[in-house]
Amino acid sequence: MKFIFLCTGNSCRSILSEVLFNSRAPENWKAYSAGSKPSGQVHPLTIETLENLSLSTDGLWSKPLMTVNNIRQMW
């Protein structure tokens, strides 16, 4: 099962949701995140928060919705 978390900038809330969901989700469940107007960077406090929770921040980036549409085509 796949999920998407959307917000405007895709720099904080949706990124946090994606990572937290994926860290606790069942094996075949996967979350993605995107923004309608992505900021182009993940907010530094988002990175800091995830690292403080010992969650990986590798590969995180502020993505446009179009990127997730491309992922959706692979479903």
Protein backbone atom coordinates (compact mmCIF):
# COMPACT_ATOMS: atom_id res chain seq x y z
CA MET A 1 0.00 0.00 0.00
CA LYS A 2 1.29 3.47 -0.85
CA PHE A 3 0.55 6.84 0.77
CA ILE A 4 1.37 10.43 -0.09
CA PHE A 5 1.76 13.38 2.24
CA LEU A 6 1.23 16.71 0.48
CA CYS A 7 1.90 20.25 1.61
CA THR A 8 2.98 23.49 0.03
CA GLY A 9 6.75 23.59 0.50
CA ASN A 10 7.61 19.94 1.14
CA SER A 11 10.33 21.07 3.50
CA CYS A 12 9.00 20.19 6.95
CA ARG A 13 5.63 18.60 7.81
CA SER A 14 5.24 16.31 4.81
CA ILE A 15 8.90 15.24 5.01
CA LEU A 16 8.50 14.46 8.73
CA SER A 17 5.32 12.51 7.99
CA GLU A 18 6.97 10.50 5.22
CA VAL A 19 9.97 9.51 7.33
CA LEU A 20 7.99 8.78 10.51
CA PHE A 21 5.42 6.73 8.59
CA ASN A 22 8.07 4.72 6.75
CA SER A 23 9.98 4.05 9.97
CA ARG A 24 6.89 2.45 11.56
CA ALA A 25 4.92 1.07 8.60
CA PRO A 26 4.41 -2.60 7.81
CA GLU A 27 6.82 -4.09 5.30
CA ASN A 28 4.78 -3.56 2.12
CA TRP A 29 3.60 -0.05 2.97
CA LYS A 30 5.45 3.00 1.65
CA ALA A 31 4.90 6.74 2.02
CA TYR A 32 6.05 9.54 -0.23
CA SER A 33 5.85 13.30 0.16
CA ALA A 34 5.66 16.25 -2.21
CA GLY A 35 4.75 19.90 -2.35
CA SER A 36 2.64 22.06 -4.63
CA LYS A 37 5.37 24.73 -4.50
CA PRO A 38 8.45 22.92 -3.17
CA SER A 39 10.98 25.10 -1.39
CA GLY A 40 13.94 23.29 -2.90
CA GLN A 41 15.41 22.28 0.44
CA VAL A 42 14.51 20.35 3.55
CA HIS A 43 14.34 22.69 6.53
CA PRO A 44 17.41 22.31 8.79
CA LEU A 45 15.23 21.78 11.88
CA THR A 46 13.48 18.92 10.08
CA ILE A 47 16.84 17.24 9.50
CA GLU A 48 17.87 17.91 13.10
CA THR A 49 14.61 16.51 14.47
CA LEU A 50 14.86 13.32 12.43
CA GLU A 51 18.50 12.82 13.37
CA ASN A 52 17.62 13.33 17.06
CA LEU A 53 15.11 10.50 16.62
CA SER A 54 17.86 8.36 15.02
CA LEU A 55 15.98 8.31 11.70
CA SER A 56 17.82 8.44 8.40
CA THR A 57 17.78 11.66 6.42
CA ASP A 58 19.60 10.16 3.43
CA GLY A 59 18.02 11.06 0.11
CA LEU A 60 15.51 13.55 1.50
CA TRP A 61 14.74 16.47 -0.77
CA SER A 62 11.93 18.92 -1.38
CA LYS A 63 9.99 17.31 -4.25
CA PRO A 64 7.34 18.67 -6.60
CA LEU A 65 4.07 16.80 -6.96
CA MET A 66 5.10 15.87 -10.52
CA THR A 67 7.85 13.64 -9.06
CA VAL A 68 5.28 11.67 -7.07
CA ASN A 69 3.11 11.40 -10.18
CA ASN A 70 6.07 9.69 -11.86
CA ILE A 71 6.33 7.30 -8.90
CA ARG A 72 2.60 6.63 -9.14
CA GLN A 73 3.02 5.44 -12.75
CA MET A 74 5.29 2.67 -11.42
CA TRP A 75 2.48 1.32 -9.20
